[in-house]
């Protein structure tokens, strides 16, 4: 199920950010609030925004994910993890 892939990508993003950068998504925090926090901390806005939007559509909307959406979610996750590791290496 492609929606599940998108949901897993978002969960992996939050997990990687916590692990690599020590930034946690508070349980009461919306996806948009978390996105704003990450961007304010210097995370690349485009992949964070893309993955957040896909997550919200998959989680809350009547969204029929396609292969392009799955590829975009995976690409966004990869960019975010790459950023985390690059920043952790500094």
PDB file of N, CA and C in Angstrom:
ATOM      1  N   UNK A   1       0.840  -1.181   0.000  1.00  0.00           N
ATOM      2  CA  UNK A   1       0.000   0.000   0.000  1.00  0.00           C
ATOM      3  C   UNK A   1       0.884   1.244   0.000  1.00  0.00           C
ATOM      4  N   UNK A   2       0.720   2.089  -0.998  1.00  0.00           N
ATOM      5  CA  UNK A   2       1.566   3.278  -1.140  1.00  0.00           C
ATOM      6  C   UNK A   2       1.347   4.300  -0.023  1.00  0.00           C
ATOM      7  N   UNK A   3       0.112   4.385   0.491  1.00  0.00           N
ATOM      8  CA  UNK A   3      -0.136   5.295   1.616  1.00  0.00           C
ATOM      9  C   UNK A   3       0.709   4.881   2.819  1.00  0.00           C
ATOM     10  N   UNK A   4       0.834   3.589   3.032  1.00  0.00           N
ATOM     11  CA  UNK A   4       1.639   3.090   4.150  1.00  0.00           C
ATOM     12  C   UNK A   4       3.107   3.440   3.971  1.00  0.00           C
ATOM     13  N   UNK A   5       3.578   3.412   2.735  1.00  0.00           N
ATOM     14  CA  UNK A   5       4.972   3.777   2.458  1.00  0.00           C
ATOM     15  C   UNK A   5       5.207   5.235   2.854  1.00  0.00           C
ATOM     16  N   UNK A   6       4.282   6.096   2.494  1.00  0.00           N
ATOM     17  CA  UNK A   6       4.402   7.521   2.832  1.00  0.00           C
ATOM     18  C   UNK A   6       4.376   7.712   4.345  1.00  0.00           C
ATOM     19  N   UNK A   7       3.479   7.012   5.012  1.00  0.00           N
ATOM     20  CA  UNK A   7       3.395   7.115   6.483  1.00  0.00           C
ATOM     21  C   UNK A   7       4.697   6.634   7.131  1.00  0.00           C
ATOM     22  N   UNK A   8       5.255   5.552   6.612  1.00  0.00           N
ATOM     23  CA  UNK A   8       6.521   5.036   7.146  1.00  0.00           C
ATOM     24  C   UNK A   8       7.665   6.009   6.892  1.00  0.00           C
ATOM     25  N   UNK A   9       7.680   6.635   5.725  1.00  0.00           N
ATOM     26  CA  UNK A   9       8.720   7.628   5.418  1.00  0.00           C
ATOM     27  C   UNK A   9       8.674   8.770   6.425  1.00  0.00           C
ATOM     28  N   UNK A  10       7.481   9.230   6.748  1.00  0.00           N
ATOM     29  CA  UNK A  10       7.351  10.323   7.715  1.00  0.00           C
ATOM     30  C   UNK A  10       7.834   9.873   9.089  1.00  0.00           C
ATOM     31  N   UNK A  11       7.446   8.669   9.488  1.00  0.00           N
ATOM     32  CA  UNK A  11       7.883   8.131  10.787  1.00  0.00           C
ATOM     33  C   UNK A  11       9.400   7.967  10.819  1.00  0.00           C
ATOM     34  N   UNK A  12       9.973   7.514   9.717  1.00  0.00           N
ATOM     35  CA  UNK A  12      11.427   7.368   9.645  1.00  0.00           C
ATOM     36  C   UNK A  12      12.110   8.725   9.701  1.00  0.00           C
ATOM     37  N   UNK A  13      11.497   9.735   9.088  1.00  0.00           N
ATOM     38  CA  UNK A  13      12.060  11.082   9.151  1.00  0.00           C
ATOM     39  C   UNK A  13      12.119  11.560  10.595  1.00  0.00           C
ATOM     40  N   UNK A  14      10.999  11.447  11.322  1.00  0.00           N
ATOM     41  CA  UNK A  14      10.976  11.925  12.706  1.00  0.00           C
ATOM     42  C   UNK A  14      11.963  11.145  13.567  1.00  0.00           C
ATOM     43  N   UNK A  15      12.083   9.870  13.302  1.00  0.00           N
ATOM     44  CA  UNK A  15      13.020   9.025  14.047  1.00  0.00           C
ATOM     45  C   UNK A  15      14.468   9.418  13.759  1.00  0.00           C
ATOM     46  N   UNK A  16      14.794   9.627  12.496  1.00  0.00           N
ATOM     47  CA  UNK A  16      16.159   9.997  12.097  1.00  0.00           C
ATOM     48  C   UNK A  16      16.533  11.364  12.659  1.00  0.00           C
ATOM     49  N   UNK A  17      15.602  12.287  12.642  1.00  0.00           N
ATOM     50  CA  UNK A  17      15.869  13.631  13.156  1.00  0.00           C
ATOM     51  C   UNK A  17      16.123  13.575  14.663  1.00  0.00           C
ATOM     52  N   UNK A  18      15.346  12.771  15.348  1.00  0.00           N
ATOM     53  CA  UNK A  18      15.544  12.616  16.789  1.00  0.00           C
ATOM     54  C   UNK A  18      16.911  11.991  17.069  1.00  0.00           C
ATOM     55  N   UNK A  19      17.229  10.951  16.322  1.00  0.00           N
ATOM     56  CA  UNK A  19      18.480  10.221  16.516  1.00  0.00           C
ATOM     57  C   UNK A  19      19.711  11.053  16.140  1.00  0.00           C
ATOM     58  N   UNK A  20      19.658  11.696  14.987  1.00  0.00           N
ATOM     59  CA  UNK A  20      20.820  12.401  14.458  1.00  0.00           C
ATOM     60  C   UNK A  20      20.981  13.824  15.000  1.00  0.00           C
ATOM     61  N   UNK A  21      19.839  14.490  15.276  1.00  0.00           N
ATOM     62  CA  UNK A  21      19.883  15.903  15.661  1.00  0.00           C
ATOM     63  C   UNK A  21      19.344  16.172  17.066  1.00  0.00           C
ATOM     64  N   UNK A  22      18.708  15.176  17.674  1.00  0.00           N
ATOM     65  CA  UNK A  22      18.147  15.370  19.004  1.00  0.00           C
ATOM     66  C   UNK A  22      16.883  16.223  19.024  1.00  0.00           C
ATOM     67  N   UNK A  23      16.231  16.359  17.879  1.00  0.00           N
ATOM     68  CA  UNK A  23      15.000  17.157  17.782  1.00  0.00           C
ATOM     69  C   UNK A  23      13.817  16.202  17.748  1.00  0.00           C
ATOM     70  N   UNK A  24      12.939  16.327  18.742  1.00  0.00           N
ATOM     71  CA  UNK A  24      11.778  15.450  18.829  1.00  0.00           C
ATOM     72  C   UNK A  24      10.508  16.151  18.390  1.00  0.00           C
ATOM     73  N   UNK A  25       9.610  15.376  17.816  1.00  0.00           N
ATOM     74  CA  UNK A  25       8.277  15.892  17.513  1.00  0.00           C
ATOM     75  C   UNK A  25       7.407  15.621  18.725  1.00  0.00           C
ATOM     76  N   UNK A  26       7.019  16.683  19.377  1.00  0.00           N
ATOM     77  CA  UNK A  26       6.147  16.615  20.533  1.00  0.00           C
ATOM     78  C   UNK A  26       4.814  15.986  20.117  1.00  0.00           C
ATOM     79  N   UNK A  27       4.223  15.166  20.970  1.00  0.00           N
ATOM     80  CA  UNK A  27       2.962  14.489  20.632  1.00  0.00           C
ATOM     81  C   UNK A  27       1.834  15.456  20.292  1.00  0.00           C
ATOM     82  N   UNK A  28       1.825  16.623  20.927  1.00  0.00           N
ATOM     83  CA  UNK A  28       0.765  17.602  20.671  1.00  0.00           C
ATOM     84  C   UNK A  28       1.041  18.459  19.438  1.00  0.00           C
ATOM     85  N   UNK A  29       2.218  18.338  18.888  1.00  0.00           N
ATOM     86  CA  UNK A  29       2.633  19.161  17.760  1.00  0.00           C
ATOM     87  C   UNK A  29       2.022  18.635  16.457  1.00  0.00           C
ATOM     88  N   UNK A  30       1.472  19.548  15.664  1.00  0.00           N
ATOM     89  CA  UNK A  30       0.956  19.145  14.359  1.00  0.00           C
ATOM     90  C   UNK A  30       2.127  18.934  13.393  1.00  0.00           C
ATOM     91  N   UNK A  31       1.844  18.289  12.287  1.00  0.00           N
ATOM     92  CA  UNK A  31       2.872  18.086  11.268  1.00  0.00           C
ATOM     93  C   UNK A  31       3.375  19.428  10.746  1.00  0.00           C
ATOM     94  N   UNK A  32       2.460  20.387  10.591  1.00  0.00           N
ATOM     95  CA  UNK A  32       2.842  21.728  10.121  1.00  0.00           C
ATOM     96  C   UNK A  32       3.742  22.438  11.130  1.00  0.00           C
ATOM     97  N   UNK A  33       3.421  22.309  12.408  1.00  0.00           N
ATOM     98  CA  UNK A  33       4.249  22.931  13.440  1.00  0.00           C
ATOM     99  C   UNK A  33       5.650  22.307  13.461  1.00  0.00           C
ATOM    100  N   UNK A  34       5.698  20.993  13.287  1.00  0.00           N
ATOM    101  CA  UNK A  34       6.993  20.321  13.256  1.00  0.00           C
ATOM    102  C   UNK A  34       7.796  20.763  12.033  1.00  0.00           C
ATOM    103  N   UNK A  35       7.115  20.884  10.905  1.00  0.00           N
ATOM    104  CA  UNK A  35       7.774  21.372   9.690  1.00  0.00           C
ATOM    105  C   UNK A  35       8.369  22.763   9.931  1.00  0.00           C
ATOM    106  N   UNK A  36       7.591  23.658  10.518  1.00  0.00           N
ATOM    107  CA  UNK A  36       8.072  25.015  10.791  1.00  0.00           C
ATOM    108  C   UNK A  36       9.283  24.995  11.726  1.00  0.00           C
ATOM    109  N   UNK A  37       9.242  24.129  12.709  1.00  0.00           N
ATOM    110  CA  UNK A  37      10.372  24.018  13.644  1.00  0.00           C
ATOM    111  C   UNK A  37      11.627  23.562  12.909  1.00  0.00           C
ATOM    112  N   UNK A  38      11.486  22.555  12.059  1.00  0.00           N
ATOM    113  CA  UNK A  38      12.644  22.035  11.330  1.00  0.00           C
ATOM    114  C   UNK A  38      13.232  23.085  10.400  1.00  0.00           C
ATOM    115  N   UNK A  39      12.385  23.785   9.674  1.00  0.00           N
ATOM    116  CA  UNK A  39      12.853  24.818   8.749  1.00  0.00           C
ATOM    117  C   UNK A  39      13.555  25.930   9.526  1.00  0.00           C
ATOM    118  N   UNK A  40      13.009  26.284  10.694  1.00  0.00           N
ATOM    119  CA  UNK A  40      13.643  27.326  11.499  1.00  0.00           C
ATOM    120  C   UNK A  40      15.002  26.880  12.035  1.00  0.00           C
ATOM    121  N   UNK A  41      15.220  25.569  12.112  1.00  0.00           N
ATOM    122  CA  UNK A  41      16.507  25.023  12.573  1.00  0.00           C
ATOM    123  C   UNK A  41      17.486  24.822  11.416  1.00  0.00           C
ATOM    124  N   UNK A  42      17.071  25.191  10.191  1.00  0.00           N
ATOM    125  CA  UNK A  42      17.973  25.118   9.052  1.00  0.00           C
ATOM    126  C   UNK A  42      17.804  23.920   8.146  1.00  0.00           C
ATOM    127  N   UNK A  43      16.795  23.075   8.410  1.00  0.00           N
ATOM    128  CA  UNK A  43      16.559  21.926   7.534  1.00  0.00           C
ATOM    129  C   UNK A  43      16.116  22.424   6.162  1.00  0.00           C
ATOM    130  N   UNK A  44      16.434  21.674   5.112  1.00  0.00           N
ATOM    131  CA  UNK A  44      16.041  22.104   3.763  1.00  0.00           C
ATOM    132  C   UNK A  44      14.512  22.131   3.632  1.00  0.00           C
ATOM    133  N   UNK A  45      13.951  23.293   3.316  1.00  0.00           N
ATOM    134  CA  UNK A  45      12.495  23.432   3.333  1.00  0.00           C
ATOM    135  C   UNK A  45      11.747  22.577   2.310  1.00  0.00           C
ATOM    136  N   UNK A  46      12.297  22.401   1.120  1.00  0.00           N
ATOM    137  CA  UNK A  46      11.556  21.688   0.079  1.00  0.00           C
ATOM    138  C   UNK A  46      11.274  20.226   0.448  1.00  0.00           C
ATOM    139  N   UNK A  47      12.282  19.419   0.805  1.00  0.00           N
ATOM    140  CA  UNK A  47      11.949  18.029   1.134  1.00  0.00           C
ATOM    141  C   UNK A  47      11.106  17.897   2.407  1.00  0.00           C
ATOM    142  N   UNK A  48      11.324  18.777   3.380  1.00  0.00           N
ATOM    143  CA  UNK A  48      10.521  18.727   4.610  1.00  0.00           C
ATOM    144  C   UNK A  48       9.065  19.036   4.270  1.00  0.00           C
ATOM    145  N   UNK A  49       8.844  20.060   3.450  1.00  0.00           N
ATOM    146  CA  UNK A  49       7.495  20.430   3.049  1.00  0.00           C
ATOM    147  C   UNK A  49       6.833  19.337   2.223  1.00  0.00           C
ATOM    148  N   UNK A  50       7.565  18.775   1.269  1.00  0.00           N
ATOM    149  CA  UNK A  50       6.996  17.729   0.413  1.00  0.00           C
ATOM    150  C   UNK A  50       6.562  16.518   1.231  1.00  0.00           C
ATOM    151  N   UNK A  51       7.426  16.075   2.140  1.00  0.00           N
ATOM    152  CA  UNK A  51       7.096  14.900   2.931  1.00  0.00           C
ATOM    153  C   UNK A  51       5.954  15.200   3.905  1.00  0.00           C
ATOM    154  N   UNK A  52       5.932  16.400   4.455  1.00  0.00           N
ATOM    155  CA  UNK A  52       4.842  16.784   5.357  1.00  0.00           C
ATOM    156  C   UNK A  52       3.510  16.795   4.622  1.00  0.00           C
ATOM    157  N   UNK A  53       3.476  17.387   3.440  1.00  0.00           N
ATOM    158  CA  UNK A  53       2.233  17.433   2.662  1.00  0.00           C
ATOM    159  C   UNK A  53       1.747  16.038   2.279  1.00  0.00           C
ATOM    160  N   UNK A  54       2.665  15.192   1.849  1.00  0.00           N
ATOM    161  CA  UNK A  54       2.288  13.822   1.499  1.00  0.00           C
ATOM    162  C   UNK A  54       1.765  13.075   2.724  1.00  0.00           C
ATOM    163  N   UNK A  55       2.428  13.266   3.857  1.00  0.00           N
ATOM    164  CA  UNK A  55       1.984  12.628   5.098  1.00  0.00           C
ATOM    165  C   UNK A  55       0.573  13.073   5.456  1.00  0.00           C
ATOM    166  N   UNK A  56       0.332  14.383   5.412  1.00  0.00           N
ATOM    167  CA  UNK A  56      -0.991  14.893   5.767  1.00  0.00           C
ATOM    168  C   UNK A  56      -2.066  14.357   4.826  1.00  0.00           C
ATOM    169  N   UNK A  57      -1.770  14.300   3.553  1.00  0.00           N
ATOM    170  CA  UNK A  57      -2.741  13.760   2.590  1.00  0.00           C
ATOM    171  C   UNK A  57      -3.017  12.284   2.870  1.00  0.00           C
ATOM    172  N   UNK A  58      -1.953  11.520   3.127  1.00  0.00           N
ATOM    173  CA  UNK A  58      -2.096  10.088   3.374  1.00  0.00           C
ATOM    174  C   UNK A  58      -2.814   9.830   4.697  1.00  0.00           C
ATOM    175  N   UNK A  59      -2.522  10.632   5.685  1.00  0.00           N
ATOM    176  CA  UNK A  59      -3.051  10.415   7.033  1.00  0.00           C
ATOM    177  C   UNK A  59      -4.467  10.932   7.193  1.00  0.00           C
ATOM    178  N   UNK A  60      -4.741  12.112   6.654  1.00  0.00           N
ATOM    179  CA  UNK A  60      -6.003  12.783   6.956  1.00  0.00           C
ATOM    180  C   UNK A  60      -6.966  12.905   5.781  1.00  0.00           C
ATOM    181  N   UNK A  61      -6.490  12.708   4.576  1.00  0.00           N
ATOM    182  CA  UNK A  61      -7.346  12.935   3.421  1.00  0.00           C
ATOM    183  C   UNK A  61      -7.735  11.664   2.707  1.00  0.00           C
ATOM    184  N   UNK A  62      -8.595  11.844   1.767  1.00  0.00           N
ATOM    185  CA  UNK A  62      -8.955  10.743   0.869  1.00  0.00           C
ATOM    186  C   UNK A  62      -7.975  10.810  -0.290  1.00  0.00           C
ATOM    187  N   UNK A  63      -6.841  10.233  -0.043  1.00  0.00           N
ATOM    188  CA  UNK A  63      -5.695  10.386  -0.929  1.00  0.00           C
ATOM    189  C   UNK A  63      -5.349   9.034  -1.511  1.00  0.00           C
ATOM    190  N   UNK A  64      -5.301   8.984  -2.809  1.00  0.00           N
ATOM    191  CA  UNK A  64      -4.893   7.766  -3.490  1.00  0.00           C
ATOM    192  C   UNK A  64      -3.473   7.988  -4.000  1.00  0.00           C
ATOM    193  N   UNK A  65      -2.523   7.484  -3.239  1.00  0.00           N
ATOM    194  CA  UNK A  65      -1.118   7.698  -3.567  1.00  0.00           C
ATOM    195  C   UNK A  65      -0.740   6.916  -4.815  1.00  0.00           C
ATOM    196  N   UNK A  66       0.117   7.532  -5.610  1.00  0.00           N
ATOM    197  CA  UNK A  66       0.624   6.882  -6.798  1.00  0.00           C
ATOM    198  C   UNK A  66       2.120   6.645  -6.678  1.00  0.00           C
ATOM    199  N   UNK A  67       2.685   6.038  -7.693  1.00  0.00           N
ATOM    200  CA  UNK A  67       4.120   5.745  -7.694  1.00  0.00           C
ATOM    201  C   UNK A  67       4.956   7.018  -7.602  1.00  0.00           C
ATOM    202  N   UNK A  68       4.503   8.094  -8.221  1.00  0.00           N
ATOM    203  CA  UNK A  68       5.233   9.365  -8.150  1.00  0.00           C
ATOM    204  C   UNK A  68       5.264   9.894  -6.721  1.00  0.00           C
ATOM    205  N   UNK A  69       4.143   9.747  -6.010  1.00  0.00           N
ATOM    206  CA  UNK A  69       4.078  10.195  -4.613  1.00  0.00           C
ATOM    207  C   UNK A  69       5.039   9.372  -3.746  1.00  0.00           C
ATOM    208  N   UNK A  70       5.054   8.077  -3.980  1.00  0.00           N
ATOM    209  CA  UNK A  70       5.963   7.201  -3.237  1.00  0.00           C
ATOM    210  C   UNK A  70       7.416   7.603  -3.507  1.00  0.00           C
ATOM    211  N   UNK A  71       7.750   7.819  -4.761  1.00  0.00           N
ATOM    212  CA  UNK A  71       9.113   8.206  -5.123  1.00  0.00           C
ATOM    213  C   UNK A  71       9.480   9.550  -4.505  1.00  0.00           C
ATOM    214  N   UNK A  72       8.547  10.498  -4.493  1.00  0.00           N
ATOM    215  CA  UNK A  72       8.794  11.812  -3.903  1.00  0.00           C
ATOM    216  C   UNK A  72       9.006  11.697  -2.392  1.00  0.00           C
ATOM    217  N   UNK A  73       8.220  10.857  -1.734  1.00  0.00           N
ATOM    218  CA  UNK A  73       8.373  10.651  -0.288  1.00  0.00           C
ATOM    219  C   UNK A  73       9.744  10.053   0.018  1.00  0.00           C
ATOM    220  N   UNK A  74      10.142   9.050  -0.738  1.00  0.00           N
ATOM    221  CA  UNK A  74      11.442   8.413  -0.511  1.00  0.00           C
ATOM    222  C   UNK A  74      12.596   9.365  -0.808  1.00  0.00           C
ATOM    223  N   UNK A  75      12.464  10.146  -1.865  1.00  0.00           N
ATOM    224  CA  UNK A  75      13.494  11.125  -2.227  1.00  0.00           C
ATOM    225  C   UNK A  75      13.615  12.209  -1.143  1.00  0.00           C
ATOM    226  N   UNK A  76      12.480  12.674  -0.650  1.00  0.00           N
ATOM    227  CA  UNK A  76      12.477  13.690   0.403  1.00  0.00           C
ATOM    228  C   UNK A  76      13.114  13.143   1.674  1.00  0.00           C
ATOM    229  N   UNK A  77      12.744  11.931   2.041  1.00  0.00           N
ATOM    230  CA  UNK A  77      13.324  11.298   3.229  1.00  0.00           C
ATOM    231  C   UNK A  77      14.832  11.170   3.086  1.00  0.00           C
ATOM    232  N   UNK A  78      15.288  10.744   1.928  1.00  0.00           N
ATOM    233  CA  UNK A  78      16.724  10.591   1.681  1.00  0.00           C
ATOM    234  C   UNK A  78      17.452  11.922   1.833  1.00  0.00           C
ATOM    235  N   UNK A  79      16.878  12.989   1.285  1.00  0.00           N
ATOM    236  CA  UNK A  79      17.502  14.320   1.396  1.00  0.00           C
ATOM    237  C   UNK A  79      17.569  14.784   2.844  1.00  0.00           C
ATOM    238  N   UNK A  80      16.521  14.527   3.611  1.00  0.00           N
ATOM    239  CA  UNK A  80      16.480  14.944   5.012  1.00  0.00           C
ATOM    240  C   UNK A  80      17.513  14.169   5.829  1.00  0.00           C
ATOM    241  N   UNK A  81      17.604  12.872   5.602  1.00  0.00           N
ATOM    242  CA  UNK A  81      18.586  12.055   6.318  1.00  0.00           C
ATOM    243  C   UNK A  81      19.996  12.477   5.932  1.00  0.00           C
ATOM    244  N   UNK A  82      20.215  12.758   4.658  1.00  0.00           N
ATOM    245  CA  UNK A  82      21.521  13.230   4.198  1.00  0.00           C
ATOM    246  C   UNK A  82      21.887  14.536   4.904  1.00  0.00           C
ATOM    247  N   UNK A  83      20.933  15.427   5.033  1.00  0.00           N
ATOM    248  CA  UNK A  83      21.169  16.689   5.736  1.00  0.00           C
ATOM    249  C   UNK A  83      21.531  16.427   7.203  1.00  0.00           C
ATOM    250  N   UNK A  84      20.775  15.570   7.851  1.00  0.00           N
ATOM    251  CA  UNK A  84      21.043  15.248   9.267  1.00  0.00           C
ATOM    252  C   UNK A  84      22.447  14.714   9.460  1.00  0.00           C
ATOM    253  N   UNK A  85      22.850  13.812   8.615  1.00  0.00           N
ATOM    254  CA  UNK A  85      24.167  13.198   8.755  1.00  0.00           C
ATOM    255  C   UNK A  85      25.276  14.188   8.449  1.00  0.00           C
ATOM    256  N   UNK A  86      25.044  15.037   7.484  1.00  0.00           N
ATOM    257  CA  UNK A  86      26.034  16.065   7.140  1.00  0.00           C
ATOM    258  C   UNK A  86      26.199  17.032   8.318  1.00  0.00           C
ATOM    259  N   UNK A  87      25.087  17.428   8.931  1.00  0.00           N
ATOM    260  CA  UNK A  87      25.129  18.345  10.063  1.00  0.00           C
ATOM    261  C   UNK A  87      25.741  17.674  11.300  1.00  0.00           C
ATOM    262  N   UNK A  88      25.477  16.402  11.489  1.00  0.00           N
ATOM    263  CA  UNK A  88      26.019  15.677  12.640  1.00  0.00           C
ATOM    264  C   UNK A  88      27.529  15.501  12.488  1.00  0.00           C
ATOM    265  N   UNK A  89      28.000  15.483  11.242  1.00  0.00           N
ATOM    266  CA  UNK A  89      29.430  15.306  10.970  1.00  0.00           C
ATOM    267  C   UNK A  89      30.246  16.562  11.196  1.00  0.00           C
ATOM    268  N   UNK A  90      29.575  17.713  11.277  1.00  0.00           N
ATOM    269  CA  UNK A  90      30.289  18.989  11.483  1.00  0.00           C
ATOM    270  C   UNK A  90      30.858  19.098  12.880  1.00  0.00           C
TER     271      UNK A  90
END
